[in-house]
Amino acid sequence: MGPPPPPLWRAARLLRLLGYVALAVLVAFVGSAIYFAAHARPSIDPGSDSAVLVASNSTVEITVGLNLSNPGAYAITGVGISAQVRLPDGGLAARGGSPIVTVAPGSTATVPVHIWMALNAESDLLLTHDVHLVESFWANATFASLFTLQVNDTQNRSWGAPFYQFNATPGTPVPEANGTVLVPVTMSWQDSAPFGETGSLLLQVLSSSHAVCGTSTVPVDVAAGGPADLSTAFYLSGSCDPSGGTVVATFTGNGLDYTFPPEAIP
């Protein structure tokens, strides 16, 4: 029997064995990560939580709780969901996003996505018309600290307008015995939005030459989903002829500030 191998040779052999083990572990890790990335794809599903709040400057904040599932055996890190909302004609109505989160393996995380939508971005469409919007969500994330994954989802949202079918209807001017002219105005609409309306309507009667003949302020307090049926009357001086003129209504309150298209006086 020869002399035992020198210590340096034994150390080198041990290092080679450890290298083979580490390589085998790395290959197994990468292989399993590739398998789960290909067969256990994460997905975005609509959650049950949704809130709509009126912010300032006629902007609505929509918060959607999306369920991001990770059926794989490795964590998904750096997940930030982006969102867009488009009108029926494809026009962009809103953008939004979520905080950065990590989804543990074999679990589902509810990610809050905040979307800001300007109600006056497309004329008066979102204020006075019930429409179907298209929400698109997507996220780029890192899977098993190795691969970049893209997750996306598209869903429809029914939007209820706060001033659905708004009308400020002026009546026929009626001369009064004292020389003034009575112009009655009735206002009606349906609050189809998930929030109520508290504020005031400023109404102006304009002559055919756009001179202001009179103004009136009507308080507004309509519950979410409720109807509105209001009226007011103008007694105008004889020097301002409202015939051929218009009535212009402006709502202010709840963070909303909007002037509706003028209504013609018969």
C-alpha atoms as a PDB file:
ATOM      1  CA  MET A   1       0.000   0.000   0.000  1.00  0.00           C
ATOM      2  CA  GLY A   2       1.392   3.322  -1.046  1.00  0.00           C
ATOM      3  CA  PRO A   3       1.515   6.443   1.021  1.00  0.00           C
ATOM      4  CA  PRO A   4      -1.774   8.355   1.462  1.00  0.00           C
ATOM      5  CA  PRO A   5      -2.482  11.213  -0.994  1.00  0.00           C
ATOM      6  CA  PRO A   6      -1.170  14.550   0.107  1.00  0.00           C
ATOM      7  CA  PRO A   7      -3.617  16.878   1.869  1.00  0.00           C
ATOM      8  CA  LEU A   8      -3.680  19.298  -1.074  1.00  0.00           C
ATOM      9  CA  TRP A   9      -4.818  16.549  -3.450  1.00  0.00           C
ATOM     10  CA  ARG A  10      -7.562  15.468  -1.046  1.00  0.00           C
ATOM     11  CA  ALA A  11      -8.737  19.055  -0.694  1.00  0.00           C
ATOM     12  CA  ALA A  12      -8.872  19.490  -4.464  1.00  0.00           C
ATOM     13  CA  ARG A  13     -10.858  16.279  -4.824  1.00  0.00           C
ATOM     14  CA  LEU A  14     -13.354  17.446  -2.169  1.00  0.00           C
ATOM     15  CA  LEU A  15     -13.754  20.748  -3.948  1.00  0.00           C
ATOM     16  CA  ARG A  16     -14.441  18.953  -7.243  1.00  0.00           C
ATOM     17  CA  LEU A  17     -17.115  16.810  -5.562  1.00  0.00           C
ATOM     18  CA  LEU A  18     -18.705  19.873  -3.995  1.00  0.00           C
ATOM     19  CA  GLY A  19     -18.637  21.577  -7.413  1.00  0.00           C
ATOM     20  CA  TYR A  20     -20.449  18.617  -8.989  1.00  0.00           C
ATOM     21  CA  VAL A  21     -23.075  18.740  -6.238  1.00  0.00           C
ATOM     22  CA  ALA A  22     -23.540  22.503  -6.615  1.00  0.00           C
ATOM     23  CA  LEU A  23     -23.827  22.138 -10.404  1.00  0.00           C
ATOM     24  CA  ALA A  24     -26.413  19.372 -10.005  1.00  0.00           C
ATOM     25  CA  VAL A  25     -28.413  21.528  -7.567  1.00  0.00           C
ATOM     26  CA  LEU A  26     -28.220  24.520  -9.943  1.00  0.00           C
ATOM     27  CA  VAL A  27     -29.316  22.436 -12.916  1.00  0.00           C
ATOM     28  CA  ALA A  28     -32.219  21.012 -10.918  1.00  0.00           C
ATOM     29  CA  PHE A  29     -33.214  24.505  -9.739  1.00  0.00           C
ATOM     30  CA  VAL A  30     -33.072  26.027 -13.222  1.00  0.00           C
ATOM     31  CA  GLY A  31     -34.881  23.037 -14.712  1.00  0.00           C
ATOM     32  CA  SER A  32     -37.685  23.147 -12.168  1.00  0.00           C
ATOM     33  CA  ALA A  33     -37.960  26.935 -12.536  1.00  0.00           C
ATOM     34  CA  ILE A  34     -38.299  26.549 -16.305  1.00  0.00           C
ATOM     35  CA  TYR A  35     -40.927  23.843 -15.814  1.00  0.00           C
ATOM     36  CA  PHE A  36     -43.038  25.901 -13.417  1.00  0.00           C
ATOM     37  CA  ALA A  37     -42.608  29.031 -15.556  1.00  0.00           C
ATOM     38  CA  ALA A  38     -43.981  27.093 -18.528  1.00  0.00           C
ATOM     39  CA  HIS A  39     -46.703  25.044 -16.808  1.00  0.00           C
ATOM     40  CA  ALA A  40     -47.748  27.013 -13.705  1.00  0.00           C
ATOM     41  CA  ARG A  41     -48.339  30.452 -15.153  1.00  0.00           C
ATOM     42  CA  PRO A  42     -49.509  33.220 -12.810  1.00  0.00           C
ATOM     43  CA  SER A  43     -52.838  34.862 -13.643  1.00  0.00           C
ATOM     44  CA  ILE A  44     -54.807  38.018 -12.858  1.00  0.00           C
ATOM     45  CA  ASP A  45     -58.441  37.653 -11.816  1.00  0.00           C
ATOM     46  CA  PRO A  46     -60.919  40.385 -10.816  1.00  0.00           C
ATOM     47  CA  GLY A  47     -61.304  40.641  -7.066  1.00  0.00           C
ATOM     48  CA  SER A  48     -64.365  41.444  -5.030  1.00  0.00           C
ATOM     49  CA  ASP A  49     -63.206  44.811  -3.734  1.00  0.00           C
ATOM     50  CA  SER A  50     -63.950  47.910  -5.800  1.00  0.00           C
ATOM     51  CA  ALA A  51     -64.487  51.506  -4.717  1.00  0.00           C
ATOM     52  CA  VAL A  52     -65.188  54.719  -6.605  1.00  0.00           C
ATOM     53  CA  LEU A  53     -64.412  58.067  -4.975  1.00  0.00           C
ATOM     54  CA  VAL A  54     -64.593  61.562  -6.419  1.00  0.00           C
ATOM     55  CA  ALA A  55     -61.266  63.332  -6.135  1.00  0.00           C
ATOM     56  CA  SER A  56     -60.679  66.984  -7.007  1.00  0.00           C
ATOM     57  CA  ASN A  57     -60.887  68.587 -10.446  1.00  0.00           C
ATOM     58  CA  SER A  58     -63.736  66.341 -11.671  1.00  0.00           C
ATOM     59  CA  THR A  59     -61.549  63.247 -11.405  1.00  0.00           C
ATOM     60  CA  VAL A  60     -62.752  59.883 -10.111  1.00  0.00           C
ATOM     61  CA  GLU A  61     -60.437  57.453  -8.316  1.00  0.00           C
ATOM     62  CA  ILE A  62     -61.360  53.816  -8.928  1.00  0.00           C
ATOM     63  CA  THR A  63     -59.727  51.218  -6.676  1.00  0.00           C
ATOM     64  CA  VAL A  64     -59.857  47.637  -7.935  1.00  0.00           C
ATOM     65  CA  GLY A  65     -58.604  44.685  -5.877  1.00  0.00           C
ATOM     66  CA  LEU A  66     -57.072  42.222  -8.346  1.00  0.00           C
ATOM     67  CA  ASN A  67     -56.195  38.662  -7.344  1.00  0.00           C
ATOM     68  CA  LEU A  68     -52.738  37.706  -8.614  1.00  0.00           C
ATOM     69  CA  SER A  69     -52.260  33.952  -8.261  1.00  0.00           C
ATOM     70  CA  ASN A  70     -48.913  32.137  -8.216  1.00  0.00           C
ATOM     71  CA  PRO A  71     -49.432  28.366  -8.554  1.00  0.00           C
ATOM     72  CA  GLY A  72     -45.707  27.742  -8.959  1.00  0.00           C
ATOM     73  CA  ALA A  73     -43.098  26.595  -6.458  1.00  0.00           C
ATOM     74  CA  TYR A  74     -41.106  29.850  -6.522  1.00  0.00           C
ATOM     75  CA  ALA A  75     -41.902  33.411  -5.469  1.00  0.00           C
ATOM     76  CA  ILE A  76     -42.872  36.085  -7.998  1.00  0.00           C
ATOM     77  CA  THR A  77     -41.110  39.314  -7.083  1.00  0.00           C
ATOM     78  CA  GLY A  78     -41.245  42.925  -8.223  1.00  0.00           C
ATOM     79  CA  VAL A  79     -44.868  42.731  -9.322  1.00  0.00           C
ATOM     80  CA  GLY A  80     -46.316  46.122 -10.270  1.00  0.00           C
ATOM     81  CA  ILE A  81     -49.634  46.120 -12.121  1.00  0.00           C
ATOM     82  CA  SER A  82     -50.349  48.833 -14.697  1.00  0.00           C
ATOM     83  CA  ALA A  83     -53.852  49.663 -15.896  1.00  0.00           C
ATOM     84  CA  GLN A  84     -55.634  51.483 -18.690  1.00  0.00           C
ATOM     85  CA  VAL A  85     -59.338  52.198 -19.174  1.00  0.00           C
ATOM     86  CA  ARG A  86     -60.664  52.812 -22.665  1.00  0.00           C
ATOM     87  CA  LEU A  87     -63.961  54.200 -23.952  1.00  0.00           C
ATOM     88  CA  PRO A  88     -66.206  52.235 -26.343  1.00  0.00           C
ATOM     89  CA  ASP A  89     -64.564  54.007 -29.305  1.00  0.00           C
ATOM     90  CA  GLY A  90     -61.114  52.981 -28.080  1.00  0.00           C
ATOM     91  CA  GLY A  91     -60.149  56.382 -26.700  1.00  0.00           C
ATOM     92  CA  LEU A  92     -58.038  56.387 -23.541  1.00  0.00           C
ATOM     93  CA  ALA A  93     -60.081  57.457 -20.493  1.00  0.00           C
ATOM     94  CA  ALA A  94     -57.778  56.640 -17.571  1.00  0.00           C
ATOM     95  CA  ARG A  95     -54.466  55.220 -16.398  1.00  0.00           C
ATOM     96  CA  GLY A  96     -53.396  53.695 -13.119  1.00  0.00           C
ATOM     97  CA  GLY A  97     -51.165  51.290 -11.282  1.00  0.00           C
ATOM     98  CA  SER A  98     -50.415  49.389  -8.093  1.00  0.00           C
ATOM     99  CA  PRO A  99     -47.643  49.273  -5.495  1.00  0.00           C
ATOM    100  CA  ILE A 100     -44.826  46.733  -5.962  1.00  0.00           C
ATOM    101  CA  VAL A 101     -45.641  43.408  -4.282  1.00  0.00           C
ATOM    102  CA  THR A 102     -44.251  39.874  -3.926  1.00  0.00           C
ATOM    103  CA  VAL A 103     -46.447  36.806  -4.346  1.00  0.00           C
ATOM    104  CA  ALA A 104     -45.304  33.810  -2.332  1.00  0.00           C
ATOM    105  CA  PRO A 105     -45.215  30.372  -4.002  1.00  0.00           C
ATOM    106  CA  GLY A 106     -48.533  28.542  -4.119  1.00  0.00           C
ATOM    107  CA  SER A 107     -50.535  31.570  -2.973  1.00  0.00           C
ATOM    108  CA  THR A 108     -52.761  34.404  -4.179  1.00  0.00           C
ATOM    109  CA  ALA A 109     -52.206  38.075  -3.337  1.00  0.00           C
ATOM    110  CA  THR A 110     -54.858  40.794  -3.623  1.00  0.00           C
ATOM    111  CA  VAL A 111     -53.186  43.790  -5.253  1.00  0.00           C
ATOM    112  CA  PRO A 112     -54.891  47.216  -5.006  1.00  0.00           C
ATOM    113  CA  VAL A 113     -54.854  49.018  -8.354  1.00  0.00           C
ATOM    114  CA  HIS A 114     -55.690  52.736  -8.289  1.00  0.00           C
ATOM    115  CA  ILE A 115     -57.088  54.265 -11.481  1.00  0.00           C
ATOM    116  CA  TRP A 116     -57.706  57.990 -11.998  1.00  0.00           C
ATOM    117  CA  MET A 117     -60.321  58.926 -14.579  1.00  0.00           C
ATOM    118  CA  ALA A 118     -61.176  62.501 -15.612  1.00  0.00           C
ATOM    119  CA  LEU A 119     -64.941  62.669 -16.080  1.00  0.00           C
ATOM    120  CA  ASN A 120     -64.689  65.586 -18.504  1.00  0.00           C
ATOM    121  CA  ALA A 121     -61.920  63.994 -20.585  1.00  0.00           C
ATOM    122  CA  GLU A 122     -64.304  63.091 -23.438  1.00  0.00           C
ATOM    123  CA  SER A 123     -66.754  65.997 -23.541  1.00  0.00           C
ATOM    124  CA  ASP A 124     -69.719  65.083 -21.300  1.00  0.00           C
ATOM    125  CA  LEU A 125     -69.772  61.359 -22.171  1.00  0.00           C
ATOM    126  CA  LEU A 126     -68.811  59.983 -18.740  1.00  0.00           C
ATOM    127  CA  LEU A 127     -70.937  62.559 -16.924  1.00  0.00           C
ATOM    128  CA  THR A 128     -74.205  62.074 -18.785  1.00  0.00           C
ATOM    129  CA  HIS A 129     -74.032  58.652 -20.495  1.00  0.00           C
ATOM    130  CA  ASP A 130     -73.984  55.101 -19.147  1.00  0.00           C
ATOM    131  CA  VAL A 131     -71.262  53.286 -21.092  1.00  0.00           C
ATOM    132  CA  HIS A 132     -69.278  50.046 -21.099  1.00  0.00           C
ATOM    133  CA  LEU A 133     -65.576  50.612 -20.494  1.00  0.00           C
ATOM    134  CA  VAL A 134     -62.705  48.207 -21.164  1.00  0.00           C
ATOM    135  CA  GLU A 135     -60.098  47.791 -18.411  1.00  0.00           C
ATOM    136  CA  SER A 136     -56.703  46.326 -19.295  1.00  0.00           C
ATOM    137  CA  PHE A 137     -54.202  45.166 -16.666  1.00  0.00           C
ATOM    138  CA  TRP A 138     -50.663  43.909 -17.183  1.00  0.00           C
ATOM    139  CA  ALA A 139     -47.564  43.273 -15.083  1.00  0.00           C
ATOM    140  CA  ASN A 140     -43.922  42.369 -15.613  1.00  0.00           C
ATOM    141  CA  ALA A 141     -42.476  40.297 -12.777  1.00  0.00           C
ATOM    142  CA  THR A 142     -39.442  38.196 -11.895  1.00  0.00           C
ATOM    143  CA  PHE A 143     -40.041  34.459 -11.338  1.00  0.00           C
ATOM    144  CA  ALA A 144     -37.622  32.421  -9.218  1.00  0.00           C
ATOM    145  CA  SER A 145     -35.192  35.378  -9.455  1.00  0.00           C
ATOM    146  CA  LEU A 146     -34.304  34.177 -12.974  1.00  0.00           C
ATOM    147  CA  PHE A 147     -37.044  34.815 -15.535  1.00  0.00           C
ATOM    148  CA  THR A 148     -39.161  37.806 -16.478  1.00  0.00           C
ATOM    149  CA  LEU A 149     -42.840  36.987 -16.831  1.00  0.00           C
ATOM    150  CA  GLN A 150     -45.629  39.076 -18.331  1.00  0.00           C
ATOM    151  CA  VAL A 151     -49.162  38.696 -16.987  1.00  0.00           C
ATOM    152  CA  ASN A 152     -52.169  40.467 -18.507  1.00  0.00           C
ATOM    153  CA  ASP A 153     -55.954  40.526 -18.332  1.00  0.00           C
ATOM    154  CA  THR A 154     -58.809  42.491 -19.914  1.00  0.00           C
ATOM    155  CA  GLN A 155     -62.286  42.931 -18.449  1.00  0.00           C
ATOM    156  CA  ASN A 156     -65.373  45.080 -18.990  1.00  0.00           C
ATOM    157  CA  ARG A 157     -66.753  47.648 -16.565  1.00  0.00           C
ATOM    158  CA  SER A 158     -70.241  49.149 -16.660  1.00  0.00           C
ATOM    159  CA  TRP A 159     -69.984  52.865 -15.940  1.00  0.00           C
ATOM    160  CA  GLY A 160     -73.016  54.669 -14.516  1.00  0.00           C
ATOM    161  CA  ALA A 161     -73.033  58.409 -15.197  1.00  0.00           C
ATOM    162  CA  PRO A 162     -73.696  60.797 -12.279  1.00  0.00           C
ATOM    163  CA  PHE A 163     -75.909  62.974 -14.522  1.00  0.00           C
ATOM    164  CA  TYR A 164     -77.458  60.357 -16.772  1.00  0.00           C
ATOM    165  CA  GLN A 165     -79.879  61.996 -19.267  1.00  0.00           C
ATOM    166  CA  PHE A 166     -79.407  65.445 -17.723  1.00  0.00           C
ATOM    167  CA  ASN A 167     -81.920  68.024 -18.903  1.00  0.00           C
ATOM    168  CA  ALA A 168     -82.422  71.656 -17.910  1.00  0.00           C
ATOM    169  CA  THR A 169     -85.607  72.391 -19.817  1.00  0.00           C
ATOM    170  CA  PRO A 170     -86.779  76.015 -20.065  1.00  0.00           C
ATOM    171  CA  GLY A 171     -90.485  76.701 -20.512  1.00  0.00           C
ATOM    172  CA  THR A 172     -92.129  79.260 -22.747  1.00  0.00           C
ATOM    173  CA  PRO A 173     -91.524  82.848 -21.503  1.00  0.00           C
ATOM    174  CA  VAL A 174     -94.680  84.352 -19.983  1.00  0.00           C
ATOM    175  CA  PRO A 175     -95.101  88.170 -19.707  1.00  0.00           C
ATOM    176  CA  GLU A 176     -96.184  89.254 -16.219  1.00  0.00           C
ATOM    177  CA  ALA A 177     -98.422  92.161 -15.248  1.00  0.00           C
ATOM    178  CA  ASN A 178     -95.546  94.035 -13.592  1.00  0.00           C
ATOM    179  CA  GLY A 179     -93.525  94.084 -16.830  1.00  0.00           C
ATOM    180  CA  THR A 180     -91.240  91.178 -16.037  1.00  0.00           C
ATOM    181  CA  VAL A 181     -91.018  87.949 -18.017  1.00  0.00           C
ATOM    182  CA  LEU A 182     -91.378  84.580 -16.264  1.00  0.00           C
ATOM    183  CA  VAL A 183     -89.124  81.775 -17.530  1.00  0.00           C
ATOM    184  CA  PRO A 184     -89.689  78.446 -15.691  1.00  0.00           C
ATOM    185  CA  VAL A 185     -86.897  75.853 -15.820  1.00  0.00           C
ATOM    186  CA  THR A 186     -87.172  72.203 -14.801  1.00  0.00           C
ATOM    187  CA  MET A 187     -84.111  69.982 -14.226  1.00  0.00           C
ATOM    188  CA  SER A 188     -84.091  66.202 -14.233  1.00  0.00           C
ATOM    189  CA  TRP A 189     -81.539  63.406 -14.370  1.00  0.00           C
ATOM    190  CA  GLN A 190     -80.697  60.005 -12.885  1.00  0.00           C
ATOM    191  CA  ASP A 191     -77.659  59.549 -10.655  1.00  0.00           C
ATOM    192  CA  SER A 192     -76.431  56.212 -12.011  1.00  0.00           C
ATOM    193  CA  ALA A 193     -73.004  56.587 -10.404  1.00  0.00           C
ATOM    194  CA  PRO A 194     -71.921  54.749  -7.221  1.00  0.00           C
ATOM    195  CA  PHE A 195     -71.596  58.078  -5.401  1.00  0.00           C
ATOM    196  CA  GLY A 196     -74.104  60.752  -4.447  1.00  0.00           C
ATOM    197  CA  GLU A 197     -74.202  64.398  -5.483  1.00  0.00           C
ATOM    198  CA  THR A 198     -74.225  67.242  -2.986  1.00  0.00           C
ATOM    199  CA  GLY A 199     -73.680  70.757  -4.244  1.00  0.00           C
ATOM    200  CA  SER A 200     -75.520  73.334  -6.305  1.00  0.00           C
ATOM    201  CA  LEU A 201     -76.638  74.096  -9.831  1.00  0.00           C
ATOM    202  CA  LEU A 202     -76.035  77.611 -11.070  1.00  0.00           C
ATOM    203  CA  LEU A 203     -78.456  78.441 -13.886  1.00  0.00           C
ATOM    204  CA  GLN A 204     -78.119  81.418 -16.176  1.00  0.00           C
ATOM    205  CA  VAL A 205     -80.642  82.721 -18.711  1.00  0.00           C
ATOM    206  CA  LEU A 206     -78.876  84.242 -21.695  1.00  0.00           C
ATOM    207  CA  SER A 207     -80.499  86.352 -24.408  1.00  0.00           C
ATOM    208  CA  SER A 208     -79.987  85.604 -28.106  1.00  0.00           C
ATOM    209  CA  SER A 209     -77.083  88.094 -27.998  1.00  0.00           C
ATOM    210  CA  HIS A 210     -75.554  86.124 -25.062  1.00  0.00           C
ATOM    211  CA  ALA A 211     -76.299  88.803 -22.486  1.00  0.00           C
ATOM    212  CA  VAL A 212     -77.004  87.458 -18.977  1.00  0.00           C
ATOM    213  CA  CYS A 213     -80.667  88.122 -18.238  1.00  0.00           C
ATOM    214  CA  GLY A 214     -80.827  86.373 -14.861  1.00  0.00           C
ATOM    215  CA  THR A 215     -79.249  83.759 -12.603  1.00  0.00           C
ATOM    216  CA  SER A 216     -80.541  81.259 -10.064  1.00  0.00           C
ATOM    217  CA  THR A 217     -78.812  78.808  -7.726  1.00  0.00           C
ATOM    218  CA  VAL A 218     -80.557  75.523  -6.894  1.00  0.00           C
ATOM    219  CA  PRO A 219     -79.268  73.225  -4.108  1.00  0.00           C
ATOM    220  CA  VAL A 220     -78.608  69.610  -5.100  1.00  0.00           C
ATOM    221  CA  ASP A 221     -78.631  66.601  -2.785  1.00  0.00           C
ATOM    222  CA  VAL A 222     -79.154  63.341  -4.693  1.00  0.00           C
ATOM    223  CA  ALA A 223     -78.343  59.892  -3.337  1.00  0.00           C
ATOM    224  CA  ALA A 224     -76.361  57.393  -5.382  1.00  0.00           C
ATOM    225  CA  GLY A 225     -78.729  55.643  -7.769  1.00  0.00           C
ATOM    226  CA  GLY A 226     -81.511  58.137  -7.132  1.00  0.00           C
ATOM    227  CA  PRO A 227     -83.486  60.437  -9.449  1.00  0.00           C
ATOM    228  CA  ALA A 228     -83.408  64.221  -9.455  1.00  0.00           C
ATOM    229  CA  ASP A 229     -86.418  66.406 -10.279  1.00  0.00           C
ATOM    230  CA  LEU A 230     -85.860  70.102  -9.539  1.00  0.00           C
ATOM    231  CA  SER A 231     -87.311  73.380 -10.744  1.00  0.00           C
ATOM    232  CA  THR A 232     -86.765  77.099 -10.525  1.00  0.00           C
ATOM    233  CA  ALA A 233     -88.225  80.265 -12.039  1.00  0.00           C
ATOM    234  CA  PHE A 234     -86.693  83.429 -13.437  1.00  0.00           C
ATOM    235  CA  TYR A 235     -88.464  86.801 -13.439  1.00  0.00           C
ATOM    236  CA  LEU A 236     -86.609  88.805 -16.019  1.00  0.00           C
ATOM    237  CA  SER A 237     -86.827  92.514 -16.714  1.00  0.00           C
ATOM    238  CA  GLY A 238     -88.516  93.552 -19.931  1.00  0.00           C
ATOM    239  CA  SER A 239     -85.241  95.007 -21.221  1.00  0.00           C
ATOM    240  CA  CYS A 240     -83.736  91.534 -21.629  1.00  0.00           C
ATOM    241  CA  ASP A 241     -85.617  89.408 -24.141  1.00  0.00           C
ATOM    242  CA  PRO A 242     -85.002  85.673 -23.479  1.00  0.00           C
ATOM    243  CA  SER A 243     -86.675  84.524 -26.721  1.00  0.00           C
ATOM    244  CA  GLY A 244     -84.125  82.699 -28.844  1.00  0.00           C
ATOM    245  CA  GLY A 245     -81.721  82.592 -25.929  1.00  0.00           C
ATOM    246  CA  THR A 246     -80.427  79.717 -23.841  1.00  0.00           C
ATOM    247  CA  VAL A 247     -80.266  78.343 -20.313  1.00  0.00           C
ATOM    248  CA  VAL A 248     -76.805  77.277 -19.105  1.00  0.00           C
ATOM    249  CA  ALA A 249     -76.412  75.038 -16.024  1.00  0.00           C
ATOM    250  CA  THR A 250     -73.178  74.547 -14.031  1.00  0.00           C
ATOM    251  CA  PHE A 251     -72.884  71.981 -11.245  1.00  0.00           C
ATOM    252  CA  THR A 252     -70.387  72.525  -8.422  1.00  0.00           C
ATOM    253  CA  GLY A 253     -69.844  70.101  -5.543  1.00  0.00           C
ATOM    254  CA  ASN A 254     -68.302  66.744  -4.543  1.00  0.00           C
ATOM    255  CA  GLY A 255     -65.118  67.672  -6.352  1.00  0.00           C
ATOM    256  CA  LEU A 256     -67.072  68.079  -9.598  1.00  0.00           C
ATOM    257  CA  ASP A 257     -67.240  71.315 -11.550  1.00  0.00           C
ATOM    258  CA  TYR A 258     -68.944  71.047 -14.905  1.00  0.00           C
ATOM    259  CA  THR A 259     -70.919  73.277 -17.268  1.00  0.00           C
ATOM    260  CA  PHE A 260     -73.518  71.413 -19.311  1.00  0.00           C
ATOM    261  CA  PRO A 261     -74.312  72.218 -22.939  1.00  0.00           C
ATOM    262  CA  PRO A 262     -76.816  75.107 -23.236  1.00  0.00           C
ATOM    263  CA  GLU A 263     -80.530  74.418 -23.656  1.00  0.00           C
ATOM    264  CA  ALA A 264     -82.482  76.595 -26.090  1.00  0.00           C
ATOM    265  CA  ILE A 265     -85.395  78.701 -24.870  1.00  0.00           C
ATOM    266  CA  PRO A 266     -88.494  78.298 -27.068  1.00  0.00           C
END
